[in-house]
């Protein structure tokens, strides 16, 4: 394909792409506001629960490792 042909077809390709995107966006099944709030709540609760879980695990591991190092060091 010649360079001038590619350059000249670019605007048409861009227009076609945008039209296809618009058509696809009309077919999207958008969630309701209630669904968005519910799933957001689940995500936030899950993040806090996982953070608490990892904090507990980290604290336990840190305590065990510290005691083990102190045992080896004779303290």
PDB file of N, CA and C in Angstrom:
ATOM      1  N   UNK A   1       0.841  -1.167   0.000  1.00  0.00           N
ATOM      2  CA  UNK A   1       0.000   0.000   0.000  1.00  0.00           C
ATOM      3  C   UNK A   1       0.892   1.238   0.000  1.00  0.00           C
ATOM      4  N   UNK A   2       0.561   2.147  -0.807  1.00  0.00           N
ATOM      5  CA  UNK A   2       1.344   3.363  -0.945  1.00  0.00           C
ATOM      6  C   UNK A   2       1.088   4.291   0.243  1.00  0.00           C
ATOM      7  N   UNK A   3       2.081   5.085   0.628  1.00  0.00           N
ATOM      8  CA  UNK A   3       1.993   5.956   1.793  1.00  0.00           C
ATOM      9  C   UNK A   3       0.844   6.944   1.668  1.00  0.00           C
ATOM     10  N   UNK A   4       0.658   7.530   0.519  1.00  0.00           N
ATOM     11  CA  UNK A   4      -0.426   8.511   0.354  1.00  0.00           C
ATOM     12  C   UNK A   4      -1.794   7.849   0.504  1.00  0.00           C
ATOM     13  N   UNK A   5      -1.924   6.612   0.075  1.00  0.00           N
ATOM     14  CA  UNK A   5      -3.184   5.900   0.221  1.00  0.00           C
ATOM     15  C   UNK A   5      -3.478   5.639   1.700  1.00  0.00           C
ATOM     16  N   UNK A   6      -2.446   5.256   2.438  1.00  0.00           N
ATOM     17  CA  UNK A   6      -2.609   5.008   3.877  1.00  0.00           C
ATOM     18  C   UNK A   6      -3.008   6.291   4.581  1.00  0.00           C
ATOM     19  N   UNK A   7      -2.348   7.375   4.271  1.00  0.00           N
ATOM     20  CA  UNK A   7      -2.635   8.658   4.907  1.00  0.00           C
ATOM     21  C   UNK A   7      -4.046   9.121   4.560  1.00  0.00           C
ATOM     22  N   UNK A   8      -4.470   8.934   3.333  1.00  0.00           N
ATOM     23  CA  UNK A   8      -5.797   9.383   2.916  1.00  0.00           C
ATOM     24  C   UNK A   8      -6.902   8.509   3.512  1.00  0.00           C
ATOM     25  N   UNK A   9      -6.622   7.235   3.792  1.00  0.00           N
ATOM     26  CA  UNK A   9      -7.660   6.363   4.335  1.00  0.00           C
ATOM     27  C   UNK A   9      -7.766   6.477   5.853  1.00  0.00           C
ATOM     28  N   UNK A  10      -6.813   7.132   6.487  1.00  0.00           N
ATOM     29  CA  UNK A  10      -6.822   7.248   7.943  1.00  0.00           C
ATOM     30  C   UNK A  10      -8.075   7.928   8.486  1.00  0.00           C
ATOM     31  N   UNK A  11      -8.505   9.064   7.948  1.00  0.00           N
ATOM     32  CA  UNK A  11      -9.727   9.694   8.489  1.00  0.00           C
ATOM     33  C   UNK A  11     -10.955   8.779   8.371  1.00  0.00           C
ATOM     34  N   UNK A  12     -11.086   8.070   7.272  1.00  0.00           N
ATOM     35  CA  UNK A  12     -12.233   7.175   7.098  1.00  0.00           C
ATOM     36  C   UNK A  12     -12.166   6.012   8.087  1.00  0.00           C
ATOM     37  N   UNK A  13     -10.981   5.471   8.299  1.00  0.00           N
ATOM     38  CA  UNK A  13     -10.820   4.378   9.257  1.00  0.00           C
ATOM     39  C   UNK A  13     -11.142   4.856  10.675  1.00  0.00           C
ATOM     40  N   UNK A  14     -10.718   6.053  11.006  1.00  0.00           N
ATOM     41  CA  UNK A  14     -10.987   6.612  12.331  1.00  0.00           C
ATOM     42  C   UNK A  14     -12.487   6.811  12.525  1.00  0.00           C
ATOM     43  N   UNK A  15     -13.153   7.349  11.515  1.00  0.00           N
ATOM     44  CA  UNK A  15     -14.599   7.565  11.590  1.00  0.00           C
ATOM     45  C   UNK A  15     -15.326   6.231  11.746  1.00  0.00           C
ATOM     46  N   UNK A  16     -14.910   5.248  10.998  1.00  0.00           N
ATOM     47  CA  UNK A  16     -15.519   3.923  11.082  1.00  0.00           C
ATOM     48  C   UNK A  16     -15.322   3.324  12.471  1.00  0.00           C
ATOM     49  N   UNK A  17     -14.144   3.463  13.013  1.00  0.00           N
ATOM     50  CA  UNK A  17     -13.842   2.939  14.342  1.00  0.00           C
ATOM     51  C   UNK A  17     -14.739   3.595  15.396  1.00  0.00           C
ATOM     52  N   UNK A  18     -14.874   4.905  15.336  1.00  0.00           N
ATOM     53  CA  UNK A  18     -15.690   5.628  16.309  1.00  0.00           C
ATOM     54  C   UNK A  18     -17.151   5.207  16.193  1.00  0.00           C
ATOM     55  N   UNK A  19     -17.652   5.025  14.981  1.00  0.00           N
ATOM     56  CA  UNK A  19     -19.029   4.571  14.787  1.00  0.00           C
ATOM     57  C   UNK A  19     -19.229   3.172  15.369  1.00  0.00           C
ATOM     58  N   UNK A  20     -18.250   2.305  15.191  1.00  0.00           N
ATOM     59  CA  UNK A  20     -18.342   0.953  15.750  1.00  0.00           C
ATOM     60  C   UNK A  20     -18.332   0.982  17.274  1.00  0.00           C
ATOM     61  N   UNK A  21     -17.517   1.854  17.844  1.00  0.00           N
ATOM     62  CA  UNK A  21     -17.471   1.981  19.304  1.00  0.00           C
ATOM     63  C   UNK A  21     -18.818   2.477  19.834  1.00  0.00           C
ATOM     64  N   UNK A  22     -19.398   3.471  19.186  1.00  0.00           N
ATOM     65  CA  UNK A  22     -20.702   3.989  19.599  1.00  0.00           C
ATOM     66  C   UNK A  22     -21.765   2.895  19.537  1.00  0.00           C
ATOM     67  N   UNK A  23     -21.760   2.119  18.449  1.00  0.00           N
ATOM     68  CA  UNK A  23     -22.742   1.035  18.306  1.00  0.00           C
ATOM     69  C   UNK A  23     -22.559  -0.011  19.405  1.00  0.00           C
ATOM     70  N   UNK A  24     -21.330  -0.336  19.704  1.00  0.00           N
ATOM     71  CA  UNK A  24     -21.060  -1.338  20.751  1.00  0.00           C
ATOM     72  C   UNK A  24     -21.475  -0.816  22.126  1.00  0.00           C
ATOM     73  N   UNK A  25     -21.245   0.453  22.394  1.00  0.00           N
ATOM     74  CA  UNK A  25     -21.611   1.032  23.684  1.00  0.00           C
ATOM     75  C   UNK A  25     -23.122   1.032  23.884  1.00  0.00           C
ATOM     76  N   UNK A  26     -23.907   1.116  22.800  1.00  0.00           N
ATOM     77  CA  UNK A  26     -25.356   1.039  22.918  1.00  0.00           C
ATOM     78  C   UNK A  26     -25.813  -0.364  23.315  1.00  0.00           C
ATOM     79  N   UNK A  27     -25.024  -1.372  22.996  1.00  0.00           N
ATOM     80  CA  UNK A  27     -25.382  -2.757  23.304  1.00  0.00           C
ATOM     81  C   UNK A  27     -24.932  -3.188  24.701  1.00  0.00           C
ATOM     82  N   UNK A  28     -24.178  -2.350  25.381  1.00  0.00           N
ATOM     83  CA  UNK A  28     -23.669  -2.693  26.707  1.00  0.00           C
ATOM     84  C   UNK A  28     -24.819  -2.721  27.709  1.00  0.00           C
ATOM     85  N   UNK A  29     -24.797  -3.713  28.576  1.00  0.00           N
ATOM     86  CA  UNK A  29     -25.787  -3.808  29.650  1.00  0.00           C
ATOM     87  C   UNK A  29     -25.208  -3.112  30.881  1.00  0.00           C
ATOM     88  N   UNK A  30     -25.664  -1.901  31.152  1.00  0.00           N
ATOM     89  CA  UNK A  30     -25.125  -1.109  32.246  1.00  0.00           C
ATOM     90  C   UNK A  30     -25.817  -1.490  33.546  1.00  0.00           C
ATOM     91  N   UNK A  31     -25.067  -1.582  34.646  1.00  0.00           N
ATOM     92  CA  UNK A  31     -25.681  -1.909  35.933  1.00  0.00           C
ATOM     93  C   UNK A  31     -26.505  -0.735  36.454  1.00  0.00           C
ATOM     94  N   UNK A  32     -27.473  -1.063  37.307  1.00  0.00           N
ATOM     95  CA  UNK A  32     -28.259  -0.003  37.934  1.00  0.00           C
ATOM     96  C   UNK A  32     -27.433   0.633  39.048  1.00  0.00           C
ATOM     97  N   UNK A  33     -27.890   1.791  39.527  1.00  0.00           N
ATOM     98  CA  UNK A  33     -27.189   2.478  40.607  1.00  0.00           C
ATOM     99  C   UNK A  33     -27.179   1.608  41.857  1.00  0.00           C
ATOM    100  N   UNK A  34     -28.253   0.891  42.087  1.00  0.00           N
ATOM    101  CA  UNK A  34     -28.332   0.002  43.258  1.00  0.00           C
ATOM    102  C   UNK A  34     -27.291  -1.120  43.156  1.00  0.00           C
ATOM    103  N   UNK A  35     -27.125  -1.685  41.978  1.00  0.00           N
ATOM    104  CA  UNK A  35     -26.128  -2.740  41.777  1.00  0.00           C
ATOM    105  C   UNK A  35     -24.713  -2.199  41.978  1.00  0.00           C
ATOM    106  N   UNK A  36     -24.460  -0.998  41.499  1.00  0.00           N
ATOM    107  CA  UNK A  36     -23.134  -0.382  41.653  1.00  0.00           C
ATOM    108  C   UNK A  36     -22.823  -0.181  43.129  1.00  0.00           C
ATOM    109  N   UNK A  37     -23.785   0.337  43.888  1.00  0.00           N
ATOM    110  CA  UNK A  37     -23.575   0.548  45.322  1.00  0.00           C
ATOM    111  C   UNK A  37     -23.340  -0.767  46.045  1.00  0.00           C
ATOM    112  N   UNK A  38     -24.115  -1.793  45.695  1.00  0.00           N
ATOM    113  CA  UNK A  38     -23.989  -3.087  46.370  1.00  0.00           C
ATOM    114  C   UNK A  38     -22.622  -3.716  46.099  1.00  0.00           C
ATOM    115  N   UNK A  39     -22.201  -3.731  44.850  1.00  0.00           N
ATOM    116  CA  UNK A  39     -20.911  -4.351  44.536  1.00  0.00           C
ATOM    117  C   UNK A  39     -19.753  -3.525  45.096  1.00  0.00           C
ATOM    118  N   UNK A  40     -19.901  -2.208  45.142  1.00  0.00           N
ATOM    119  CA  UNK A  40     -18.871  -1.369  45.739  1.00  0.00           C
ATOM    120  C   UNK A  40     -18.748  -1.667  47.231  1.00  0.00           C
ATOM    121  N   UNK A  41     -19.874  -1.852  47.894  1.00  0.00           N
ATOM    122  CA  UNK A  41     -19.861  -2.204  49.307  1.00  0.00           C
ATOM    123  C   UNK A  41     -19.168  -3.531  49.554  1.00  0.00           C
ATOM    124  N   UNK A  42     -19.427  -4.499  48.685  1.00  0.00           N
ATOM    125  CA  UNK A  42     -18.789  -5.809  48.822  1.00  0.00           C
ATOM    126  C   UNK A  42     -17.270  -5.671  48.645  1.00  0.00           C
ATOM    127  N   UNK A  43     -16.857  -4.905  47.673  1.00  0.00           N
ATOM    128  CA  UNK A  43     -15.423  -4.722  47.422  1.00  0.00           C
ATOM    129  C   UNK A  43     -14.756  -4.043  48.615  1.00  0.00           C
ATOM    130  N   UNK A  44     -15.360  -2.992  49.136  1.00  0.00           N
ATOM    131  CA  UNK A  44     -14.771  -2.280  50.275  1.00  0.00           C
ATOM    132  C   UNK A  44     -14.693  -3.185  51.502  1.00  0.00           C
ATOM    133  N   UNK A  45     -15.767  -3.933  51.774  1.00  0.00           N
ATOM    134  CA  UNK A  45     -15.760  -4.850  52.921  1.00  0.00           C
ATOM    135  C   UNK A  45     -14.696  -5.926  52.751  1.00  0.00           C
ATOM    136  N   UNK A  46     -14.554  -6.452  51.553  1.00  0.00           N
ATOM    137  CA  UNK A  46     -13.555  -7.483  51.293  1.00  0.00           C
ATOM    138  C   UNK A  46     -12.146  -6.945  51.495  1.00  0.00           C
ATOM    139  N   UNK A  47     -11.901  -5.735  51.033  1.00  0.00           N
ATOM    140  CA  UNK A  47     -10.571  -5.127  51.201  1.00  0.00           C
ATOM    141  C   UNK A  47     -10.239  -4.984  52.683  1.00  0.00           C
ATOM    142  N   UNK A  48     -11.197  -4.502  53.488  1.00  0.00           N
ATOM    143  CA  UNK A  48     -10.940  -4.346  54.916  1.00  0.00           C
ATOM    144  C   UNK A  48     -10.747  -5.691  55.607  1.00  0.00           C
ATOM    145  N   UNK A  49     -11.546  -6.689  55.246  1.00  0.00           N
ATOM    146  CA  UNK A  49     -11.391  -8.016  55.844  1.00  0.00           C
ATOM    147  C   UNK A  49     -10.037  -8.634  55.494  1.00  0.00           C
ATOM    148  N   UNK A  50      -9.626  -8.509  54.257  1.00  0.00           N
ATOM    149  CA  UNK A  50      -8.321  -9.044  53.860  1.00  0.00           C
ATOM    150  C   UNK A  50      -7.182  -8.280  54.535  1.00  0.00           C
ATOM    151  N   UNK A  51      -7.345  -6.971  54.669  1.00  0.00           N
ATOM    152  CA  UNK A  51      -6.310  -6.183  55.358  1.00  0.00           C
ATOM    153  C   UNK A  51      -6.183  -6.639  56.804  1.00  0.00           C
ATOM    154  N   UNK A  52      -7.307  -6.860  57.481  1.00  0.00           N
ATOM    155  CA  UNK A  52      -7.270  -7.330  58.867  1.00  0.00           C
ATOM    156  C   UNK A  52      -6.641  -8.718  58.948  1.00  0.00           C
ATOM    157  N   UNK A  53      -7.004  -9.594  58.031  1.00  0.00           N
ATOM    158  CA  UNK A  53      -6.447 -10.947  58.013  1.00  0.00           C
ATOM    159  C   UNK A  53      -4.928 -10.912  57.848  1.00  0.00           C
ATOM    160  N   UNK A  54      -4.460 -10.147  56.880  1.00  0.00           N
ATOM    161  CA  UNK A  54      -3.013 -10.085  56.650  1.00  0.00           C
ATOM    162  C   UNK A  54      -2.285  -9.395  57.800  1.00  0.00           C
ATOM    163  N   UNK A  55      -2.929  -8.442  58.479  1.00  0.00           N
ATOM    164  CA  UNK A  55      -2.327  -7.816  59.648  1.00  0.00           C
ATOM    165  C   UNK A  55      -2.129  -8.852  60.759  1.00  0.00           C
ATOM    166  N   UNK A  56      -3.156  -9.684  60.973  1.00  0.00           N
ATOM    167  CA  UNK A  56      -3.053 -10.729  61.999  1.00  0.00           C
ATOM    168  C   UNK A  56      -1.955 -11.728  61.630  1.00  0.00           C
ATOM    169  N   UNK A  57      -1.945 -12.184  60.392  1.00  0.00           N
ATOM    170  CA  UNK A  57      -0.935 -13.150  59.953  1.00  0.00           C
ATOM    171  C   UNK A  57       0.463 -12.538  60.061  1.00  0.00           C
ATOM    172  N   UNK A  58       0.609 -11.291  59.658  1.00  0.00           N
ATOM    173  CA  UNK A  58       1.903 -10.619  59.730  1.00  0.00           C
ATOM    174  C   UNK A  58       2.374 -10.485  61.183  1.00  0.00           C
ATOM    175  N   UNK A  59       1.459 -10.136  62.061  1.00  0.00           N
ATOM    176  CA  UNK A  59       1.809 -10.005  63.478  1.00  0.00           C
ATOM    177  C   UNK A  59       2.260 -11.338  64.057  1.00  0.00           C
ATOM    178  N   UNK A  60       1.530 -12.396  63.748  1.00  0.00           N
ATOM    179  CA  UNK A  60       1.894 -13.728  64.245  1.00  0.00           C
ATOM    180  C   UNK A  60       3.255 -14.150  63.699  1.00  0.00           C
ATOM    181  N   UNK A  61       3.448 -14.005  62.396  1.00  0.00           N
ATOM    182  CA  UNK A  61       4.728 -14.395  61.788  1.00  0.00           C
ATOM    183  C   UNK A  61       5.878 -13.572  62.361  1.00  0.00           C
ATOM    184  N   UNK A  62       5.664 -12.288  62.530  1.00  0.00           N
ATOM    185  CA  UNK A  62       6.701 -11.418  63.076  1.00  0.00           C
ATOM    186  C   UNK A  62       7.067 -11.839  64.493  1.00  0.00           C
ATOM    187  N   UNK A  63       6.071 -12.144  65.306  1.00  0.00           N
ATOM    188  CA  UNK A  63       6.317 -12.577  66.681  1.00  0.00           C
ATOM    189  C   UNK A  63       7.089 -13.897  66.707  1.00  0.00           C
ATOM    190  N   UNK A  64       6.669 -14.847  65.891  1.00  0.00           N
ATOM    191  CA  UNK A  64       7.335 -16.152  65.846  1.00  0.00           C
ATOM    192  C   UNK A  64       8.778 -16.008  65.380  1.00  0.00           C
ATOM    193  N   UNK A  65       8.996 -15.241  64.346  1.00  0.00           N
ATOM    194  CA  UNK A  65      10.354 -15.061  63.814  1.00  0.00           C
ATOM    195  C   UNK A  65      11.235 -14.341  64.837  1.00  0.00           C
ATOM    196  N   UNK A  66      10.699 -13.309  65.496  1.00  0.00           N
ATOM    197  CA  UNK A  66      11.468 -12.580  66.510  1.00  0.00           C
ATOM    198  C   UNK A  66      11.855 -13.503  67.663  1.00  0.00           C
ATOM    199  N   UNK A  67      10.900 -14.316  68.122  1.00  0.00           N
ATOM    200  CA  UNK A  67      11.204 -15.249  69.217  1.00  0.00           C
ATOM    201  C   UNK A  67      12.248 -16.279  68.779  1.00  0.00           C
ATOM    202  N   UNK A  68      12.156 -16.740  67.542  1.00  0.00           N
ATOM    203  CA  UNK A  68      13.115 -17.714  67.031  1.00  0.00           C
ATOM    204  C   UNK A  68      14.515 -17.104  66.952  1.00  0.00           C
ATOM    205  N   UNK A  69      14.607 -15.881  66.453  1.00  0.00           N
ATOM    206  CA  UNK A  69      15.917 -15.203  66.357  1.00  0.00           C
ATOM    207  C   UNK A  69      16.490 -14.966  67.749  1.00  0.00           C
ATOM    208  N   UNK A  70      15.626 -14.532  68.684  1.00  0.00           N
ATOM    209  CA  UNK A  70      16.097 -14.325  70.058  1.00  0.00           C
ATOM    210  C   UNK A  70      16.554 -15.645  70.683  1.00  0.00           C
ATOM    211  N   UNK A  71      15.883 -16.738  70.387  1.00  0.00           N
ATOM    212  CA  UNK A  71      16.278 -18.048  70.892  1.00  0.00           C
ATOM    213  C   UNK A  71      17.648 -18.433  70.361  1.00  0.00           C
ATOM    214  N   UNK A  72      17.875 -18.220  69.069  1.00  0.00           N
ATOM    215  CA  UNK A  72      19.182 -18.536  68.473  1.00  0.00           C
ATOM    216  C   UNK A  72      20.281 -17.614  69.002  1.00  0.00           C
ATOM    217  N   UNK A  73      19.928 -16.380  69.305  1.00  0.00           N
ATOM    218  CA  UNK A  73      20.928 -15.431  69.788  1.00  0.00           C
ATOM    219  C   UNK A  73      21.190 -15.595  71.277  1.00  0.00           C
ATOM    220  N   UNK A  74      20.399 -16.404  71.960  1.00  0.00           N
ATOM    221  CA  UNK A  74      20.591 -16.654  73.382  1.00  0.00           C
ATOM    222  C   UNK A  74      20.064 -15.560  74.265  1.00  0.00           C
ATOM    223  N   UNK A  75      19.073 -14.863  73.861  1.00  0.00           N
ATOM    224  CA  UNK A  75      18.501 -13.767  74.657  1.00  0.00           C
ATOM    225  C   UNK A  75      17.342 -14.246  75.483  1.00  0.00           C
TER     226      UNK A  75
END
